[in-house]
Amino acid sequence: MPLGGFSYSGGLESAVEKGLVENEDDAAQWIEDGLCGVLSVCEGPLWLLLYQAIKERDAAQATQWNHWYWASRDTREMRQETQQMGWSLRQVAMNQSWGNPDLQGLRDQLVPETYLAMHAYASVVHGVKAQDGLLAFFYAWADNQTLAAIKTVPLGQSAGQRLLAKTGDWIEKAVAKSQECIAQQPPTVQTSAVQLSILSSQHEHQYSRLFRS
């Protein structure tokens, strides 16, 4: 999808600049930590909750979880990233007339249009099962992080292939953790990732950079 995702590094470029990611092993640890320690307890549970609310045509719940996710984006770059990619995916959905009028009306109430919400919406309207949709969401993130690592560390293409080969187990663990989070009453969502927030804030002022986040 032409969403602009590859122009963002999600804080990885700043981690490289600060010497936290210097080689293939560091990059693997960064991606594993991101999937299993951050996305699995924040983006993952919220994606599943959004998917469920959209599927049930519950605009109030969908709006609540969309706002929750937006509030968790605690730096300017994080907000710009999710809103720009969400807007782009929404344009694709509108141009291709995805969804019936009821779903389209619900979609238009999700303001700001976060990428998380638009991805869940796209999965619902195309009949993608929740687990498969979340797997795809996590894989897209891991793929983007791998490409960012290749460019910034830098790493070779073979190293990139090795990194992607490792992500399968991490993604499955992240999906399972996200499912555990929403099975609790009330659902457990952890939106604090302090080091990532600091790195994102520092990236805003990084002198020389390839990426927008």
C-alpha atoms as a PDB file:
ATOM      1  CA  MET A   1       0.000   0.000   0.000  1.00  0.00           C
ATOM      2  CA  PRO A   2       1.300   3.509  -0.814  1.00  0.00           C
ATOM      3  CA  LEU A   3       1.113   4.729   2.782  1.00  0.00           C
ATOM      4  CA  GLY A   4       4.558   6.264   3.252  1.00  0.00           C
ATOM      5  CA  GLY A   5       5.570   3.829   5.992  1.00  0.00           C
ATOM      6  CA  PHE A   6       9.130   3.371   4.751  1.00  0.00           C
ATOM      7  CA  SER A   7       9.894   7.037   5.387  1.00  0.00           C
ATOM      8  CA  TYR A   8       9.646   6.389   9.151  1.00  0.00           C
ATOM      9  CA  SER A   9      12.054   4.468  11.377  1.00  0.00           C
ATOM     10  CA  GLY A  10       9.930   4.499  14.537  1.00  0.00           C
ATOM     11  CA  GLY A  11      12.802   5.710  16.727  1.00  0.00           C
ATOM     12  CA  LEU A  12      15.364   3.259  15.348  1.00  0.00           C
ATOM     13  CA  GLU A  13      17.411   5.938  13.609  1.00  0.00           C
ATOM     14  CA  SER A  14      17.750   7.770  16.909  1.00  0.00           C
ATOM     15  CA  ALA A  15      18.777   4.517  18.642  1.00  0.00           C
ATOM     16  CA  VAL A  16      21.520   4.068  16.047  1.00  0.00           C
ATOM     17  CA  GLU A  17      22.639   7.679  16.524  1.00  0.00           C
ATOM     18  CA  LYS A  18      22.895   7.129  20.295  1.00  0.00           C
ATOM     19  CA  GLY A  19      24.891   3.908  19.901  1.00  0.00           C
ATOM     20  CA  LEU A  20      22.140   1.616  21.206  1.00  0.00           C
ATOM     21  CA  VAL A  21      21.940  -0.326  17.929  1.00  0.00           C
ATOM     22  CA  GLU A  22      25.346  -0.934  16.322  1.00  0.00           C
ATOM     23  CA  ASN A  23      25.146  -4.351  14.643  1.00  0.00           C
ATOM     24  CA  GLU A  24      22.888  -7.192  13.530  1.00  0.00           C
ATOM     25  CA  ASP A  25      22.489  -8.615  17.036  1.00  0.00           C
ATOM     26  CA  ASP A  26      21.508  -5.207  18.411  1.00  0.00           C
ATOM     27  CA  ALA A  27      18.981  -4.768  15.615  1.00  0.00           C
ATOM     28  CA  ALA A  28      17.482  -8.181  16.350  1.00  0.00           C
ATOM     29  CA  GLN A  29      17.169  -7.296  20.029  1.00  0.00           C
ATOM     30  CA  TRP A  30      15.557  -3.954  19.144  1.00  0.00           C
ATOM     31  CA  ILE A  31      12.949  -5.620  16.930  1.00  0.00           C
ATOM     32  CA  GLU A  32      12.223  -8.391  19.436  1.00  0.00           C
ATOM     33  CA  ASP A  33      11.863  -5.888  22.270  1.00  0.00           C
ATOM     34  CA  GLY A  34       9.596  -3.746  20.122  1.00  0.00           C
ATOM     35  CA  LEU A  35       7.302  -6.633  19.216  1.00  0.00           C
ATOM     36  CA  CYS A  36       7.225  -8.471  22.535  1.00  0.00           C
ATOM     37  CA  GLY A  37       7.664  -5.571  24.964  1.00  0.00           C
ATOM     38  CA  VAL A  38       5.908  -2.628  23.330  1.00  0.00           C
ATOM     39  CA  LEU A  39       3.547  -3.508  20.472  1.00  0.00           C
ATOM     40  CA  SER A  40       2.227  -6.664  22.152  1.00  0.00           C
ATOM     41  CA  VAL A  41       0.864  -4.706  25.126  1.00  0.00           C
ATOM     42  CA  CYS A  42      -0.138  -1.448  23.413  1.00  0.00           C
ATOM     43  CA  GLU A  43      -0.753  -1.477  19.668  1.00  0.00           C
ATOM     44  CA  GLY A  44      -1.782  -5.143  19.644  1.00  0.00           C
ATOM     45  CA  PRO A  45      -4.537  -5.020  22.271  1.00  0.00           C
ATOM     46  CA  LEU A  46      -5.834  -1.710  20.921  1.00  0.00           C
ATOM     47  CA  TRP A  47      -5.863  -3.078  17.356  1.00  0.00           C
ATOM     48  CA  LEU A  48      -7.933  -6.068  18.516  1.00  0.00           C
ATOM     49  CA  LEU A  49     -10.322  -3.830  20.457  1.00  0.00           C
ATOM     50  CA  LEU A  50     -10.730  -1.558  17.436  1.00  0.00           C
ATOM     51  CA  TYR A  51     -11.296  -4.542  15.165  1.00  0.00           C
ATOM     52  CA  GLN A  52     -13.977  -5.909  17.476  1.00  0.00           C
ATOM     53  CA  ALA A  53     -15.731  -2.542  17.826  1.00  0.00           C
ATOM     54  CA  ILE A  54     -15.688  -1.882  14.076  1.00  0.00           C
ATOM     55  CA  LYS A  55     -16.929  -5.385  13.290  1.00  0.00           C
ATOM     56  CA  GLU A  56     -19.820  -4.915  15.746  1.00  0.00           C
ATOM     57  CA  ARG A  57     -20.560  -1.415  14.345  1.00  0.00           C
ATOM     58  CA  ASP A  58     -19.945   0.055  17.812  1.00  0.00           C
ATOM     59  CA  ALA A  59     -18.910   3.608  16.943  1.00  0.00           C
ATOM     60  CA  ALA A  60     -18.616   4.700  20.573  1.00  0.00           C
ATOM     61  CA  GLN A  61     -16.143   1.957  21.450  1.00  0.00           C
ATOM     62  CA  ALA A  62     -14.196   2.387  18.229  1.00  0.00           C
ATOM     63  CA  THR A  63     -13.897   6.123  18.861  1.00  0.00           C
ATOM     64  CA  GLN A  64     -12.822   5.535  22.467  1.00  0.00           C
ATOM     65  CA  TRP A  65     -10.029   3.136  21.560  1.00  0.00           C
ATOM     66  CA  ASN A  66      -8.895   5.300  18.658  1.00  0.00           C
ATOM     67  CA  HIS A  67      -8.610   8.289  21.011  1.00  0.00           C
ATOM     68  CA  TRP A  68      -6.813   6.097  23.559  1.00  0.00           C
ATOM     69  CA  TYR A  69      -4.205   5.162  20.992  1.00  0.00           C
ATOM     70  CA  TRP A  70      -3.837   8.761  19.790  1.00  0.00           C
ATOM     71  CA  ALA A  71      -3.248   9.901  23.384  1.00  0.00           C
ATOM     72  CA  SER A  72      -0.493   7.312  23.780  1.00  0.00           C
ATOM     73  CA  ARG A  73       1.518   8.912  20.943  1.00  0.00           C
ATOM     74  CA  ASP A  74       3.487  11.191  23.219  1.00  0.00           C
ATOM     75  CA  THR A  75       5.852  12.844  20.755  1.00  0.00           C
ATOM     76  CA  ARG A  76       5.178  14.987  17.715  1.00  0.00           C
ATOM     77  CA  GLU A  77       6.799  12.510  15.325  1.00  0.00           C
ATOM     78  CA  MET A  78       4.771   9.573  16.632  1.00  0.00           C
ATOM     79  CA  ARG A  79       1.546  11.520  16.149  1.00  0.00           C
ATOM     80  CA  GLN A  80       2.542  12.658  12.677  1.00  0.00           C
ATOM     81  CA  GLU A  81       3.489   9.119  11.666  1.00  0.00           C
ATOM     82  CA  THR A  82       0.230   7.448  12.680  1.00  0.00           C
ATOM     83  CA  GLN A  83      -1.940  10.271  11.368  1.00  0.00           C
ATOM     84  CA  GLN A  84      -0.195  10.553   7.997  1.00  0.00           C
ATOM     85  CA  MET A  85      -0.263   6.799   7.407  1.00  0.00           C
ATOM     86  CA  GLY A  86      -3.830   6.579   8.683  1.00  0.00           C
ATOM     87  CA  TRP A  87      -4.908   9.385   6.365  1.00  0.00           C
ATOM     88  CA  SER A  88      -3.210   7.655   3.421  1.00  0.00           C
ATOM     89  CA  LEU A  89      -4.917   4.329   4.150  1.00  0.00           C
ATOM     90  CA  ARG A  90      -8.240   6.108   4.548  1.00  0.00           C
ATOM     91  CA  GLN A  91      -7.781   7.670   1.093  1.00  0.00           C
ATOM     92  CA  VAL A  92      -7.190   4.201  -0.374  1.00  0.00           C
ATOM     93  CA  ALA A  93     -10.314   2.922   1.386  1.00  0.00           C
ATOM     94  CA  MET A  94     -12.392   5.820   0.075  1.00  0.00           C
ATOM     95  CA  ASN A  95     -11.064   5.590  -3.484  1.00  0.00           C
ATOM     96  CA  GLN A  96     -11.730   1.854  -3.587  1.00  0.00           C
ATOM     97  CA  SER A  97     -15.118   2.162  -1.812  1.00  0.00           C
ATOM     98  CA  TRP A  98     -14.164  -0.327   0.895  1.00  0.00           C
ATOM     99  CA  GLY A  99     -17.046  -1.278   3.166  1.00  0.00           C
ATOM    100  CA  ASN A 100     -20.794  -0.735   3.143  1.00  0.00           C
ATOM    101  CA  PRO A 101     -22.345   2.654   4.025  1.00  0.00           C
ATOM    102  CA  ASP A 102     -22.646   1.771   7.726  1.00  0.00           C
ATOM    103  CA  LEU A 103     -18.974   0.878   8.001  1.00  0.00           C
ATOM    104  CA  GLN A 104     -17.925   3.889   5.947  1.00  0.00           C
ATOM    105  CA  GLY A 105     -19.894   6.152   8.275  1.00  0.00           C
ATOM    106  CA  LEU A 106     -18.208   4.606  11.301  1.00  0.00           C
ATOM    107  CA  ARG A 107     -14.815   4.979   9.634  1.00  0.00           C
ATOM    108  CA  ASP A 108     -15.385   8.693   9.125  1.00  0.00           C
ATOM    109  CA  GLN A 109     -16.027   9.151  12.844  1.00  0.00           C
ATOM    110  CA  LEU A 110     -12.516   7.946  13.681  1.00  0.00           C
ATOM    111  CA  VAL A 111     -10.833  11.333  13.970  1.00  0.00           C
ATOM    112  CA  PRO A 112      -7.900  11.711  13.922  1.00  0.00           C
ATOM    113  CA  GLU A 113      -7.604   8.776  11.549  1.00  0.00           C
ATOM    114  CA  THR A 114      -4.821   6.780  13.187  1.00  0.00           C
ATOM    115  CA  TYR A 115      -3.058   4.117  11.162  1.00  0.00           C
ATOM    116  CA  LEU A 116      -3.990   1.555  13.815  1.00  0.00           C
ATOM    117  CA  ALA A 117      -7.710   2.252  13.403  1.00  0.00           C
ATOM    118  CA  MET A 118      -7.592   2.364   9.611  1.00  0.00           C
ATOM    119  CA  HIS A 119      -5.669  -0.925   9.466  1.00  0.00           C
ATOM    120  CA  ALA A 120      -8.252  -2.599  11.710  1.00  0.00           C
ATOM    121  CA  TYR A 121     -11.021  -1.131   9.531  1.00  0.00           C
ATOM    122  CA  ALA A 122      -9.409  -2.469   6.358  1.00  0.00           C
ATOM    123  CA  SER A 123      -9.142  -5.923   7.924  1.00  0.00           C
ATOM    124  CA  VAL A 124     -12.820  -5.928   8.905  1.00  0.00           C
ATOM    125  CA  VAL A 125     -14.151  -4.819   5.523  1.00  0.00           C
ATOM    126  CA  HIS A 126     -12.067  -7.429   3.701  1.00  0.00           C
ATOM    127  CA  GLY A 127     -13.162 -10.248   5.999  1.00  0.00           C
ATOM    128  CA  VAL A 128      -9.696 -10.862   7.424  1.00  0.00           C
ATOM    129  CA  LYS A 129      -9.777 -12.755  10.718  1.00  0.00           C
ATOM    130  CA  ALA A 130      -8.613 -10.769  13.728  1.00  0.00           C
ATOM    131  CA  GLN A 131      -5.552 -12.931  14.415  1.00  0.00           C
ATOM    132  CA  ASP A 132      -4.466 -12.822  10.766  1.00  0.00           C
ATOM    133  CA  GLY A 133      -4.954  -9.060  10.578  1.00  0.00           C
ATOM    134  CA  LEU A 134      -2.859  -8.486  13.682  1.00  0.00           C
ATOM    135  CA  LEU A 135      -0.167 -10.830  12.354  1.00  0.00           C
ATOM    136  CA  ALA A 136      -0.050  -8.722   9.191  1.00  0.00           C
ATOM    137  CA  PHE A 137       0.120  -5.486  11.210  1.00  0.00           C
ATOM    138  CA  PHE A 138       3.045  -6.770  13.284  1.00  0.00           C
ATOM    139  CA  TYR A 139       4.854  -8.164  10.244  1.00  0.00           C
ATOM    140  CA  ALA A 140       4.575  -4.831   8.413  1.00  0.00           C
ATOM    141  CA  TRP A 141       6.158  -3.128  11.443  1.00  0.00           C
ATOM    142  CA  ALA A 142       8.981  -5.704  11.656  1.00  0.00           C
ATOM    143  CA  ASP A 143       9.621  -5.493   7.914  1.00  0.00           C
ATOM    144  CA  ASN A 144       9.867  -1.710   8.115  1.00  0.00           C
ATOM    145  CA  GLN A 145      12.234  -1.892  11.096  1.00  0.00           C
ATOM    146  CA  THR A 146      14.446  -4.362   9.234  1.00  0.00           C
ATOM    147  CA  LEU A 147      14.700  -2.077   6.214  1.00  0.00           C
ATOM    148  CA  ALA A 148      15.445   0.889   8.474  1.00  0.00           C
ATOM    149  CA  ALA A 149      18.220  -1.109  10.169  1.00  0.00           C
ATOM    150  CA  ILE A 150      19.730  -2.034   6.797  1.00  0.00           C
ATOM    151  CA  LYS A 151      19.952   1.650   5.909  1.00  0.00           C
ATOM    152  CA  THR A 152      21.037   3.154   9.223  1.00  0.00           C
ATOM    153  CA  VAL A 153      23.268   0.659  11.088  1.00  0.00           C
ATOM    154  CA  PRO A 154      24.054  -0.168   8.212  1.00  0.00           C
ATOM    155  CA  LEU A 155      23.491  -3.868   7.537  1.00  0.00           C
ATOM    156  CA  GLY A 156      23.715  -5.972   4.402  1.00  0.00           C
ATOM    157  CA  GLN A 157      20.828  -7.607   2.597  1.00  0.00           C
ATOM    158  CA  SER A 158      21.754 -11.036   3.989  1.00  0.00           C
ATOM    159  CA  ALA A 159      21.597  -9.673   7.512  1.00  0.00           C
ATOM    160  CA  GLY A 160      18.181  -8.262   6.710  1.00  0.00           C
ATOM    161  CA  GLN A 161      16.972 -11.671   5.556  1.00  0.00           C
ATOM    162  CA  ARG A 162      18.263 -13.254   8.745  1.00  0.00           C
ATOM    163  CA  LEU A 163      16.439 -10.655  10.814  1.00  0.00           C
ATOM    164  CA  LEU A 164      13.162 -11.235   8.988  1.00  0.00           C
ATOM    165  CA  ALA A 165      13.534 -14.990   9.399  1.00  0.00           C
ATOM    166  CA  LYS A 166      13.696 -14.509  13.166  1.00  0.00           C
ATOM    167  CA  THR A 167      10.565 -12.374  13.388  1.00  0.00           C
ATOM    168  CA  GLY A 168       8.092 -15.232  12.902  1.00  0.00           C
ATOM    169  CA  ASP A 169       8.356 -16.552  16.463  1.00  0.00           C
ATOM    170  CA  TRP A 170       8.396 -13.042  17.930  1.00  0.00           C
ATOM    171  CA  ILE A 171       5.286 -12.018  16.004  1.00  0.00           C
ATOM    172  CA  GLU A 172       3.384 -15.119  17.118  1.00  0.00           C
ATOM    173  CA  LYS A 173       4.367 -14.435  20.743  1.00  0.00           C
ATOM    174  CA  ALA A 174       3.300 -10.796  20.380  1.00  0.00           C
ATOM    175  CA  VAL A 175      -0.117 -11.761  18.975  1.00  0.00           C
ATOM    176  CA  ALA A 176      -0.649 -14.274  21.797  1.00  0.00           C
ATOM    177  CA  LYS A 177       0.281 -11.633  24.382  1.00  0.00           C
ATOM    178  CA  SER A 178      -2.121  -9.112  22.813  1.00  0.00           C
ATOM    179  CA  GLN A 179      -4.925 -11.663  22.950  1.00  0.00           C
ATOM    180  CA  GLU A 180      -4.183 -12.278  26.631  1.00  0.00           C
ATOM    181  CA  CYS A 181      -4.401  -8.553  27.303  1.00  0.00           C
ATOM    182  CA  ILE A 182      -7.886  -8.145  25.855  1.00  0.00           C
ATOM    183  CA  ALA A 183      -9.132 -11.338  27.513  1.00  0.00           C
ATOM    184  CA  GLN A 184      -8.788  -9.611  30.898  1.00  0.00           C
ATOM    185  CA  GLN A 185     -11.602  -7.558  32.390  1.00  0.00           C
ATOM    186  CA  PRO A 186     -11.092  -4.720  31.859  1.00  0.00           C
ATOM    187  CA  PRO A 187      -8.634  -5.129  28.977  1.00  0.00           C
ATOM    188  CA  THR A 188      -5.029  -4.450  29.916  1.00  0.00           C
ATOM    189  CA  VAL A 189      -3.272  -1.850  27.768  1.00  0.00           C
ATOM    190  CA  GLN A 190       0.209  -0.548  28.607  1.00  0.00           C
ATOM    191  CA  THR A 191       1.066   2.627  26.717  1.00  0.00           C
ATOM    192  CA  SER A 192       4.330   3.577  28.441  1.00  0.00           C
ATOM    193  CA  ALA A 193       7.566   2.995  26.520  1.00  0.00           C
ATOM    194  CA  VAL A 194       9.867   5.528  28.141  1.00  0.00           C
ATOM    195  CA  GLN A 195      13.098   4.876  26.254  1.00  0.00           C
ATOM    196  CA  LEU A 196      11.275   4.898  22.920  1.00  0.00           C
ATOM    197  CA  SER A 197       9.598   8.203  23.797  1.00  0.00           C
ATOM    198  CA  ILE A 198      12.938   9.761  24.730  1.00  0.00           C
ATOM    199  CA  LEU A 199      14.570   8.534  21.524  1.00  0.00           C
ATOM    200  CA  SER A 200      11.653   9.856  19.489  1.00  0.00           C
ATOM    201  CA  SER A 201      11.928  13.264  21.148  1.00  0.00           C
ATOM    202  CA  GLN A 202      15.660  13.367  20.490  1.00  0.00           C
ATOM    203  CA  HIS A 203      15.121  12.413  16.853  1.00  0.00           C
ATOM    204  CA  GLU A 204      13.087  15.588  16.335  1.00  0.00           C
ATOM    205  CA  HIS A 205      16.328  17.543  16.806  1.00  0.00           C
ATOM    206  CA  GLN A 206      18.806  15.117  15.269  1.00  0.00           C
ATOM    207  CA  TYR A 207      21.185  17.027  13.036  1.00  0.00           C
ATOM    208  CA  SER A 208      21.319  14.635  10.105  1.00  0.00           C
ATOM    209  CA  ARG A 209      18.698  11.977   9.416  1.00  0.00           C
ATOM    210  CA  LEU A 210      17.225   9.776   6.698  1.00  0.00           C
ATOM    211  CA  PHE A 211      13.819   9.167   8.267  1.00  0.00           C
ATOM    212  CA  ARG A 212      10.874  11.230   9.495  1.00  0.00           C
ATOM    213  CA  SER A 213      10.723   9.474  12.875  1.00  0.00           C
END
